Amino acid sequence: MRVTHDLDGTYVLSCTDVELGLIAEGLYAVEDTGRRCLEAKVPDEVDTAALRDELYLLGDMRAQIDAALD
């Protein structure tokens, strides 16, 4: 895996399909844990609204990875 950073603040991740699959699995695990925290009404280190926003972003990221792996 390789990550580069442009002067405009954009990060570019270059990786194999195996590495991308592992990233997707990690995103799923974090998303699942966050969702369980919400269901148990025990937000993690942030407030509930922020956690919901993070879960939405994680889900979107995972969907993009899934689409790229298809």
C-alpha atoms as a PDB file:
ATOM      1  CA  MET A   1       0.000   0.000   0.000  1.00  0.00           C
ATOM      2  CA  ARG A   2       1.194   3.492  -0.765  1.00  0.00           C
ATOM      3  CA  VAL A   3      -0.256   6.852   0.281  1.00  0.00           C
ATOM      4  CA  THR A   4       0.744  10.104  -1.360  1.00  0.00           C
ATOM      5  CA  HIS A   5      -0.210  13.649  -0.421  1.00  0.00           C
ATOM      6  CA  ASP A   6      -0.673  16.480  -2.915  1.00  0.00           C
ATOM      7  CA  LEU A   7      -0.039  20.133  -2.138  1.00  0.00           C
ATOM      8  CA  ASP A   8      -3.781  20.826  -2.380  1.00  0.00           C
ATOM      9  CA  GLY A   9      -4.416  18.505   0.586  1.00  0.00           C
ATOM     10  CA  THR A  10      -5.590  15.477  -1.379  1.00  0.00           C
ATOM     11  CA  TYR A  11      -4.429  12.038  -0.267  1.00  0.00           C
ATOM     12  CA  VAL A  12      -4.156   9.235  -2.810  1.00  0.00           C
ATOM     13  CA  LEU A  13      -4.167   5.616  -1.679  1.00  0.00           C
ATOM     14  CA  SER A  14      -2.668   3.015  -4.004  1.00  0.00           C
ATOM     15  CA  CYS A  15      -3.130  -0.592  -2.952  1.00  0.00           C
ATOM     16  CA  THR A  16      -3.832  -4.109  -4.144  1.00  0.00           C
ATOM     17  CA  ASP A  17      -7.297  -5.642  -4.153  1.00  0.00           C
ATOM     18  CA  VAL A  18      -6.321  -7.698  -1.100  1.00  0.00           C
ATOM     19  CA  GLU A  19      -5.275  -4.579   0.824  1.00  0.00           C
ATOM     20  CA  LEU A  20      -8.438  -2.776  -0.244  1.00  0.00           C
ATOM     21  CA  GLY A  21     -10.507  -5.735   0.955  1.00  0.00           C
ATOM     22  CA  LEU A  22      -8.800  -5.580   4.347  1.00  0.00           C
ATOM     23  CA  ILE A  23      -9.526  -1.865   4.570  1.00  0.00           C
ATOM     24  CA  ALA A  24     -13.181  -2.568   3.786  1.00  0.00           C
ATOM     25  CA  GLU A  25     -13.300  -5.232   6.513  1.00  0.00           C
ATOM     26  CA  GLY A  26     -11.831  -2.760   8.989  1.00  0.00           C
ATOM     27  CA  LEU A  27     -14.378  -0.116   8.020  1.00  0.00           C
ATOM     28  CA  TYR A  28     -17.152  -2.657   8.493  1.00  0.00           C
ATOM     29  CA  ALA A  29     -15.886  -3.569  11.966  1.00  0.00           C
ATOM     30  CA  VAL A  30     -15.743   0.078  13.058  1.00  0.00           C
ATOM     31  CA  GLU A  31     -19.169   0.733  11.531  1.00  0.00           C
ATOM     32  CA  ASP A  32     -20.649  -2.313  13.286  1.00  0.00           C
ATOM     33  CA  THR A  33     -19.183  -1.287  16.649  1.00  0.00           C
ATOM     34  CA  GLY A  34     -20.515   2.237  16.268  1.00  0.00           C
ATOM     35  CA  ARG A  35     -23.959   0.967  15.342  1.00  0.00           C
ATOM     36  CA  ARG A  36     -23.972  -1.304  18.407  1.00  0.00           C
ATOM     37  CA  CYS A  37     -23.033   1.685  20.579  1.00  0.00           C
ATOM     38  CA  LEU A  38     -25.984   3.628  19.191  1.00  0.00           C
ATOM     39  CA  GLU A  39     -28.359   0.700  19.726  1.00  0.00           C
ATOM     40  CA  ALA A  40     -27.157   0.355  23.323  1.00  0.00           C
ATOM     41  CA  LYS A  41     -27.439   4.135  23.756  1.00  0.00           C
ATOM     42  CA  VAL A  42     -23.764   4.237  24.720  1.00  0.00           C
ATOM     43  CA  PRO A  43     -22.022   6.547  22.253  1.00  0.00           C
ATOM     44  CA  ASP A  44     -18.276   6.129  22.126  1.00  0.00           C
ATOM     45  CA  GLU A  45     -15.934   9.095  22.487  1.00  0.00           C
ATOM     46  CA  VAL A  46     -18.271  11.462  20.615  1.00  0.00           C
ATOM     47  CA  ASP A  47     -21.879  12.525  20.890  1.00  0.00           C
ATOM     48  CA  THR A  48     -24.686  10.594  19.218  1.00  0.00           C
ATOM     49  CA  ALA A  49     -25.189  12.994  16.288  1.00  0.00           C
ATOM     50  CA  ALA A  50     -21.482  12.952  15.452  1.00  0.00           C
ATOM     51  CA  LEU A  51     -21.416   9.148  15.668  1.00  0.00           C
ATOM     52  CA  ARG A  52     -24.362   8.919  13.260  1.00  0.00           C
ATOM     53  CA  ASP A  53     -22.517  11.190  10.821  1.00  0.00           C
ATOM     54  CA  GLU A  54     -19.381   9.062  11.117  1.00  0.00           C
ATOM     55  CA  LEU A  55     -21.380   5.877  10.510  1.00  0.00           C
ATOM     56  CA  TYR A  56     -22.883   7.406   7.370  1.00  0.00           C
ATOM     57  CA  LEU A  57     -19.421   8.322   6.078  1.00  0.00           C
ATOM     58  CA  LEU A  58     -18.040   4.871   6.896  1.00  0.00           C
ATOM     59  CA  GLY A  59     -20.933   3.229   5.070  1.00  0.00           C
ATOM     60  CA  ASP A  60     -20.357   5.444   2.046  1.00  0.00           C
ATOM     61  CA  MET A  61     -16.639   4.680   2.031  1.00  0.00           C
ATOM     62  CA  ARG A  62     -17.313   0.963   2.267  1.00  0.00           C
ATOM     63  CA  ALA A  63     -19.853   1.134  -0.578  1.00  0.00           C
ATOM     64  CA  GLN A  64     -17.298   2.869  -2.798  1.00  0.00           C
ATOM     65  CA  ILE A  65     -14.733   0.187  -2.010  1.00  0.00           C
ATOM     66  CA  ASP A  66     -17.238  -2.587  -2.664  1.00  0.00           C
ATOM     67  CA  ALA A  67     -18.081  -1.009  -6.026  1.00  0.00           C
ATOM     68  CA  ALA A  68     -14.390  -0.730  -6.902  1.00  0.00           C
ATOM     69  CA  LEU A  69     -13.819  -4.418  -6.064  1.00  0.00           C
ATOM     70  CA  ASP A  70     -16.713  -5.611  -8.259  1.00  0.00           C
END
